[in-house]
Every structure is written in C-alpha cells, then in structure tokens.
C-alpha cells in the first residue's frame, strides 16, 4: 500500500475498527514520510464454489436456490431451512471447496435433514433422487428407518 499523497510505502496503522454490517475493517493510517492521514477499508474476499450439474454444465453456488429447495421440503415442518442453508454454505466456504457436484451437494443437504426432521428428509429425497415409482420411494424410506 502507498500513501495517496506522496506515494511512500512506509505507513502505520493508527486505529482499526470492525464494521459489523459489511464484515469489513476500517483502518486509519498515517504516512511516516509526509504525516498525512487517510482511511482504508478491508473486506474478506470469498470465492463462491462452482456446482457441476448432472448435464455437465457449471454454475456458481447459489444459496437462494438451495434455500428454495429446502423451504419446499420443510414446508409446514418445525425446521429452520435458512439455518441449514447457512450451515451448508459455511461448510463449502470453510472447506475451501472450489467445485462440487450437484450430487455431492444434495447428499450434504440430505445428511443435514436426516438429523433434523424425517419428513423433510423424505420430501427432499423424493425430489432429489427422482423417485419414479412407489417401490423406490419405499426402499428409501426403509433405509432411512434402519439407520
């Protein structure tokens, strides 16, 4: 970083304060050469993971899309779908995952739902696993009950 007044690279930080609303940090700096003071803002740069779809196409992870699916599965159930979506997004970002298949993402959602609500789990699984008939639906339900 350089001083905006004299382009000197020798600076000192006088004050640092977090800005909660934007999860950034405000820093008050002073140039050691010309004694000019100025403010800088630092923000955390996050890289959204890429989701590889079944057809091979790629798109950036969209938390709202995930939340919509969760809300349908959790409709009229005592489940906080936003909390689950936040956890999955956090796991992806904290795990430094740059790419994930839609299958792996679906499995993550099912693991979260399995521990929270059986009905929401089966609802999500029925759409995610694309059950074609009652037998496949029943076998998924039986495998859930065994665990």
C-alpha atoms as a PDB file:
ATOM      1  CA  UNK A   1       0.000   0.000   0.000  1.00  0.00           C
ATOM      2  CA  UNK A   2       1.151   3.523  -0.775  1.00  0.00           C
ATOM      3  CA  UNK A   3       0.318   6.892   0.681  1.00  0.00           C
ATOM      4  CA  UNK A   4      -2.212   8.621  -1.621  1.00  0.00           C
ATOM      5  CA  UNK A   5      -0.393  11.947  -1.071  1.00  0.00           C
ATOM      6  CA  UNK A   6       3.318  11.182  -1.526  1.00  0.00           C
ATOM      7  CA  UNK A   7       3.326   7.511  -2.713  1.00  0.00           C
ATOM      8  CA  UNK A   8       5.563   6.461   0.178  1.00  0.00           C
ATOM      9  CA  UNK A   9       5.190   2.808   1.193  1.00  0.00           C
ATOM     10  CA  UNK A  10       6.025   3.316   4.855  1.00  0.00           C
ATOM     11  CA  UNK A  11       2.753   3.627   6.761  1.00  0.00           C
ATOM     12  CA  UNK A  12       1.498   2.856  10.206  1.00  0.00           C
ATOM     13  CA  UNK A  13      -1.964   1.866  11.344  1.00  0.00           C
ATOM     14  CA  UNK A  14      -3.327   4.266  13.946  1.00  0.00           C
ATOM     15  CA  UNK A  15      -6.742   2.709  14.544  1.00  0.00           C
ATOM     16  CA  UNK A  16      -8.666  -0.411  13.408  1.00  0.00           C
ATOM     17  CA  UNK A  17     -12.387  -0.975  13.816  1.00  0.00           C
ATOM     18  CA  UNK A  18     -14.605  -3.762  12.520  1.00  0.00           C
ATOM     19  CA  UNK A  19     -17.711  -2.769  10.583  1.00  0.00           C
ATOM     20  CA  UNK A  20     -20.301  -5.371  11.529  1.00  0.00           C
ATOM     21  CA  UNK A  21     -22.834  -4.682   8.743  1.00  0.00           C
ATOM     22  CA  UNK A  22     -20.371  -5.333   5.925  1.00  0.00           C
ATOM     23  CA  UNK A  23     -17.930  -7.631   7.758  1.00  0.00           C
ATOM     24  CA  UNK A  24     -15.066  -5.354   6.821  1.00  0.00           C
ATOM     25  CA  UNK A  25     -12.402  -3.498   8.782  1.00  0.00           C
ATOM     26  CA  UNK A  26     -11.861   0.263   8.782  1.00  0.00           C
ATOM     27  CA  UNK A  27      -8.240   1.254   9.298  1.00  0.00           C
ATOM     28  CA  UNK A  28      -6.947   4.742   9.983  1.00  0.00           C
ATOM     29  CA  UNK A  29      -3.407   5.062   8.609  1.00  0.00           C
ATOM     30  CA  UNK A  30      -0.615   7.631   8.773  1.00  0.00           C
ATOM     31  CA  UNK A  31       2.221   8.090   6.312  1.00  0.00           C
ATOM     32  CA  UNK A  32       5.590   8.073   8.065  1.00  0.00           C
ATOM     33  CA  UNK A  33       7.038  10.367   5.375  1.00  0.00           C
ATOM     34  CA  UNK A  34       4.527  13.211   4.928  1.00  0.00           C
ATOM     35  CA  UNK A  35       2.440  12.592   8.097  1.00  0.00           C
ATOM     36  CA  UNK A  36      -0.806  12.580   6.029  1.00  0.00           C
ATOM     37  CA  UNK A  37      -3.662  10.520   7.448  1.00  0.00           C
ATOM     38  CA  UNK A  38      -6.197   8.529   5.466  1.00  0.00           C
ATOM     39  CA  UNK A  39      -8.722   5.721   5.880  1.00  0.00           C
ATOM     40  CA  UNK A  40      -8.735   2.327   4.202  1.00  0.00           C
ATOM     41  CA  UNK A  41     -11.324  -0.445   4.238  1.00  0.00           C
ATOM     42  CA  UNK A  42     -10.512  -4.144   4.075  1.00  0.00           C
ATOM     43  CA  UNK A  43     -13.064  -6.781   3.142  1.00  0.00           C
ATOM     44  CA  UNK A  44     -12.804 -10.531   3.090  1.00  0.00           C
ATOM     45  CA  UNK A  45     -12.853 -11.884  -0.423  1.00  0.00           C
ATOM     46  CA  UNK A  46     -14.855 -15.078  -0.746  1.00  0.00           C
ATOM     47  CA  UNK A  47     -14.836 -17.269  -3.808  1.00  0.00           C
ATOM     48  CA  UNK A  48     -18.128 -18.978  -4.496  1.00  0.00           C
ATOM     49  CA  UNK A  49     -17.777 -22.685  -5.267  1.00  0.00           C
ATOM     50  CA  UNK A  50     -18.835 -23.931  -8.686  1.00  0.00           C
ATOM     51  CA  UNK A  51     -21.584 -26.541  -8.831  1.00  0.00           C
ATOM     52  CA  UNK A  52     -21.191 -29.158 -11.569  1.00  0.00           C
ATOM     53  CA  UNK A  53     -24.679 -30.132 -12.712  1.00  0.00           C
ATOM     54  CA  UNK A  54     -25.810 -33.587 -13.894  1.00  0.00           C
ATOM     55  CA  UNK A  55     -25.611 -32.496 -17.539  1.00  0.00           C
ATOM     56  CA  UNK A  56     -22.014 -31.319 -17.056  1.00  0.00           C
ATOM     57  CA  UNK A  57     -22.811 -27.599 -17.063  1.00  0.00           C
ATOM     58  CA  UNK A  58     -21.337 -25.427 -14.350  1.00  0.00           C
ATOM     59  CA  UNK A  59     -22.744 -22.561 -12.328  1.00  0.00           C
ATOM     60  CA  UNK A  60     -21.791 -20.679  -9.209  1.00  0.00           C
ATOM     61  CA  UNK A  61     -23.255 -21.939  -5.952  1.00  0.00           C
ATOM     62  CA  UNK A  62     -26.498 -20.084  -5.322  1.00  0.00           C
ATOM     63  CA  UNK A  63     -27.607 -20.119  -1.696  1.00  0.00           C
ATOM     64  CA  UNK A  64     -31.066 -18.804  -2.639  1.00  0.00           C
ATOM     65  CA  UNK A  65     -31.610 -21.750  -4.969  1.00  0.00           C
ATOM     66  CA  UNK A  66     -30.638 -24.145  -2.178  1.00  0.00           C
ATOM     67  CA  UNK A  67     -32.902 -22.301   0.249  1.00  0.00           C
ATOM     68  CA  UNK A  68     -35.891 -22.586  -2.108  1.00  0.00           C
ATOM     69  CA  UNK A  69     -35.475 -26.369  -2.290  1.00  0.00           C
ATOM     70  CA  UNK A  70     -35.104 -26.610   1.459  1.00  0.00           C
ATOM     71  CA  UNK A  71     -38.173 -24.443   2.057  1.00  0.00           C
ATOM     72  CA  UNK A  72     -40.283 -26.748  -0.124  1.00  0.00           C
ATOM     73  CA  UNK A  73     -39.029 -29.829   1.722  1.00  0.00           C
ATOM     74  CA  UNK A  74     -39.503 -28.193   5.134  1.00  0.00           C
ATOM     75  CA  UNK A  75     -42.893 -26.632   4.424  1.00  0.00           C
ATOM     76  CA  UNK A  76     -45.159 -26.881   7.490  1.00  0.00           C
ATOM     77  CA  UNK A  77     -42.364 -28.580   9.435  1.00  0.00           C
ATOM     78  CA  UNK A  78     -40.583 -27.262  12.544  1.00  0.00           C
ATOM     79  CA  UNK A  79     -37.300 -26.866  10.639  1.00  0.00           C
ATOM     80  CA  UNK A  80     -35.263 -23.706  10.147  1.00  0.00           C
ATOM     81  CA  UNK A  81     -34.363 -24.117   6.466  1.00  0.00           C
ATOM     82  CA  UNK A  82     -32.367 -20.864   6.454  1.00  0.00           C
ATOM     83  CA  UNK A  83     -30.151 -22.206   9.246  1.00  0.00           C
ATOM     84  CA  UNK A  84     -29.464 -25.383   7.250  1.00  0.00           C
ATOM     85  CA  UNK A  85     -28.677 -23.359   4.106  1.00  0.00           C
ATOM     86  CA  UNK A  86     -26.308 -21.152   6.136  1.00  0.00           C
ATOM     87  CA  UNK A  87     -24.534 -24.220   7.534  1.00  0.00           C
ATOM     88  CA  UNK A  88     -24.076 -25.803   4.111  1.00  0.00           C
ATOM     89  CA  UNK A  89     -22.786 -22.535   2.634  1.00  0.00           C
ATOM     90  CA  UNK A  90     -20.420 -22.155   5.592  1.00  0.00           C
ATOM     91  CA  UNK A  91     -19.172 -25.740   5.186  1.00  0.00           C
ATOM     92  CA  UNK A  92     -18.473 -25.112   1.495  1.00  0.00           C
ATOM     93  CA  UNK A  93     -16.646 -21.829   2.080  1.00  0.00           C
ATOM     94  CA  UNK A  94     -14.716 -23.004   5.165  1.00  0.00           C
ATOM     95  CA  UNK A  95     -13.777 -26.243   3.457  1.00  0.00           C
ATOM     96  CA  UNK A  96     -12.179 -24.215   0.668  1.00  0.00           C
ATOM     97  CA  UNK A  97     -14.175 -26.279  -1.852  1.00  0.00           C
ATOM     98  CA  UNK A  98     -13.823 -24.757  -5.307  1.00  0.00           C
ATOM     99  CA  UNK A  99     -16.006 -27.290  -7.146  1.00  0.00           C
ATOM    100  CA  UNK A 100     -18.740 -29.665  -6.029  1.00  0.00           C
ATOM    101  CA  UNK A 101     -21.118 -31.850  -7.986  1.00  0.00           C
ATOM    102  CA  UNK A 102     -24.848 -31.352  -7.575  1.00  0.00           C
ATOM    103  CA  UNK A 103     -24.957 -34.958  -6.334  1.00  0.00           C
ATOM    104  CA  UNK A 104     -22.491 -34.198  -3.513  1.00  0.00           C
ATOM    105  CA  UNK A 105     -24.407 -31.036  -2.634  1.00  0.00           C
ATOM    106  CA  UNK A 106     -27.666 -32.977  -2.496  1.00  0.00           C
ATOM    107  CA  UNK A 107     -26.053 -35.558  -0.217  1.00  0.00           C
ATOM    108  CA  UNK A 108     -24.882 -32.754   2.099  1.00  0.00           C
ATOM    109  CA  UNK A 109     -28.458 -31.459   2.318  1.00  0.00           C
ATOM    110  CA  UNK A 110     -29.823 -34.932   2.989  1.00  0.00           C
ATOM    111  CA  UNK A 111     -27.293 -35.521   5.793  1.00  0.00           C
ATOM    112  CA  UNK A 112     -28.375 -32.257   7.440  1.00  0.00           C
ATOM    113  CA  UNK A 113     -32.089 -33.009   7.066  1.00  0.00           C
ATOM    114  CA  UNK A 114     -31.715 -36.590   8.261  1.00  0.00           C
ATOM    115  CA  UNK A 115     -30.601 -35.407  11.674  1.00  0.00           C
ATOM    116  CA  UNK A 116     -33.312 -32.767  11.943  1.00  0.00           C
ATOM    117  CA  UNK A 117     -36.630 -33.979  10.519  1.00  0.00           C
ATOM    118  CA  UNK A 118     -37.607 -37.299   8.903  1.00  0.00           C
ATOM    119  CA  UNK A 119     -40.498 -35.861   6.882  1.00  0.00           C
ATOM    120  CA  UNK A 120     -38.384 -33.062   5.409  1.00  0.00           C
ATOM    121  CA  UNK A 121     -35.672 -35.616   4.638  1.00  0.00           C
ATOM    122  CA  UNK A 122     -38.074 -37.892   2.725  1.00  0.00           C
ATOM    123  CA  UNK A 123     -39.615 -34.934   0.884  1.00  0.00           C
ATOM    124  CA  UNK A 124     -36.202 -33.692  -0.224  1.00  0.00           C
ATOM    125  CA  UNK A 125     -35.042 -37.202  -1.127  1.00  0.00           C
ATOM    126  CA  UNK A 126     -38.137 -37.795  -3.275  1.00  0.00           C
ATOM    127  CA  UNK A 127     -37.280 -34.805  -5.462  1.00  0.00           C
ATOM    128  CA  UNK A 128     -33.501 -35.127  -5.270  1.00  0.00           C
ATOM    129  CA  UNK A 129     -33.368 -38.855  -6.036  1.00  0.00           C
ATOM    130  CA  UNK A 130     -36.158 -38.527  -8.632  1.00  0.00           C
ATOM    131  CA  UNK A 131     -38.240 -41.466  -7.462  1.00  0.00           C
ATOM    132  CA  UNK A 132     -40.021 -42.995 -10.442  1.00  0.00           C
ATOM    133  CA  UNK A 133     -42.344 -45.313  -8.550  1.00  0.00           C
ATOM    134  CA  UNK A 134     -43.616 -46.235  -5.107  1.00  0.00           C
ATOM    135  CA  UNK A 135     -41.117 -49.104  -4.684  1.00  0.00           C
ATOM    136  CA  UNK A 136     -38.061 -46.840  -4.883  1.00  0.00           C
ATOM    137  CA  UNK A 137     -39.758 -44.412  -2.510  1.00  0.00           C
ATOM    138  CA  UNK A 138     -40.474 -47.210  -0.036  1.00  0.00           C
ATOM    139  CA  UNK A 139     -36.922 -48.582  -0.250  1.00  0.00           C
ATOM    140  CA  UNK A 140     -35.534 -45.113   0.586  1.00  0.00           C
ATOM    141  CA  UNK A 141     -37.946 -44.852   3.478  1.00  0.00           C
ATOM    142  CA  UNK A 142     -36.926 -48.302   4.760  1.00  0.00           C
ATOM    143  CA  UNK A 143     -33.230 -47.461   4.507  1.00  0.00           C
ATOM    144  CA  UNK A 144     -33.882 -44.260   6.474  1.00  0.00           C
ATOM    145  CA  UNK A 145     -35.708 -46.164   9.197  1.00  0.00           C
ATOM    146  CA  UNK A 146     -32.888 -48.721   9.515  1.00  0.00           C
ATOM    147  CA  UNK A 147     -30.323 -46.032  10.339  1.00  0.00           C
END
